[in-house]
Amino acid sequence: MAFKDTNQQHLLSKIATSNGHGEDSPYFDGWKAFESNPFHPTNNQHGVIQMGLAENKLCFDLIQEWIMNNPEASICTPEGVNHFSDIAIFQDYHGLPEFRNAVAKFMAKVRGDRVSFNPDRIVMSGGATGAHEMLAFCLADPGDAFLVPTPYYPGFDRDLRWRTGVQLLPVVCESSENFKVTEKALEAAYERAQEAKIRVKGLLITNPSNPLGTVLDKETLRILVSFINEKNIHLVCDEIYAATVFSQPGFVSISEVIEEEITCNRDLIHIVYSLSKDMGFPGFRVGIVYSYNDAVVSCCRKMSSFGLVSSQTQHLIASMLSDDEFVNRFIAESAKRLEKRHKVFTRGLAQVGIGCLKSTAGLFLWMDLSHLLKEKTFEAEMSLWRVIISDVKLNVSPGSSFHCSDPGWFRVCFANMDDSTMERALTRIRTFALQSTEVTVPKKRQRWGSNHHLRLSFSSRTGRVDDCLLSPHSPIPQSPLVRART
């Protein structure tokens, strides 16, 4: 068997045998825990609840209603089948004109119509994953690097690095400063790269932030534009959460800032967008590169042939996003429902002494469990995470998998489930928090009458959380990151 494995390794490429995809991260191990024991409200009530996946399911009813009322938007219905022969045949890599026009219009609508987008600059790809890789191929050579403020989405290590050979260098943002991106941190990261003789080709930002759920203000965006112009490097702006902003401060796109910056070199500015988060369509694989650089647009369009959006999907999306009444209603209702879910979850956590970074966007919370750590280390963070996965049966993602510089932070997604499952998840984590530490609840947040001090100890692994028997064993014993360590 060993001989066969050795031969297999020898026969495969370096990419095939490397771990560059990043699946050895606890971020992905949490998904495996869920997949091996998924929660179901009737069939598996004691299973793992998925809170590690940033999906937006809160407005599916609006989407379904529109599809029912517009059956002609699909070429696979009696009402739309007359378009089948036109749509099913080969389409130009540019994409259907009506699709690019509708996406450009939607991007402007999401940004309050304060800026417009040229449909001819829109390049489609297989989701934001494909869009990021296309840009990495176009902007950098193997060994070159992008600076990325921390904490950042773990999938970037796969999207930009795995097949391109590009490096990601962290711009360390501190929790003491609410993870704000500062000029000082940018300069420090750039200097470290210079000292290591690494060529920096760009700066990658996510706005609104994943995992923080915060938005960058206009002044910070101006600092970023000034920085990349001074260094003559690219600025890639991931804006896939643009329509998930649910309260003030609102979203400011990089496209708005460069409209005001006369000295900005627009050839350095590129936007990645997608309908996966704003519309809740990750399965449709609709990703967008919008570049102000003609050469990049041309190169990306050639590369898009490796990951085109199906013409059937383009046809449906074009019809849906061209419906102004529906789009306006969807954007407003989505923000309303996200805000409500955010309030319910943050208030529930606050009642047991769990705080979150203040946020106004996204499908998740940046949850602070540092007070539950046995010591302020990433080893302690991983130990706590294993308990949450195996005993509390919640898949939340540890901050270390997002390259966070301070232990104890966790991303918890709240928009990928119905109200009943959300309440069950909240009950599980609240119960665990009360059992794990001595909790003093501020009087103004008191919900349990006059007893302000709840003293409960997590003294036994045989206690029950949400009617779920706690177990010392991981639901995925094959994963060393989830397996309990002695």
Foldseek 3Di string as FASTA:
>chain_A
DVVVVVVVVVPDDPLVPDCLQLCLALLNVLVVLCVLFPDDVPPRPQAFDEFSDFFFPPCVVLVVVVCVVCVLLFCPDPNVVVCVVVLQDDDALLADLLLLVLVQVLVCVLQVVLDGADSSQKGKFQALLRVQCLVLQVQDAAQAEAEEEPLADLSCSNSNDSPRNYYYFYQAADVVVVSDRDPVSVVVRVVVCVVVVHHYAYYEYEAVGVPAQAGDDLVSLVSRQVVCVVVVHAYEYEDAFSLFFQDPPHHDDNSNNVVVVPPGDQQRYKYKYACCNNVRPSVQRIIIIRGPRPVSSVSSSVVRVVGHRRSSSSSSSSVQSVPVVSSVVSSNVSSVVQVVQVVVLQLLCLQQPKHWRDHRGGQKTWIFQCVLFPDFDVVSLLLVQLQCCQFLSYSWAFSVSSVHPTGGIIITGGNPDDPVVSVLSSQSVSVVSLQRAWGFRDPVSHDPPPPRTRHHHVDDQQDDGSNHGGDQARSCCVNPSNGNDD
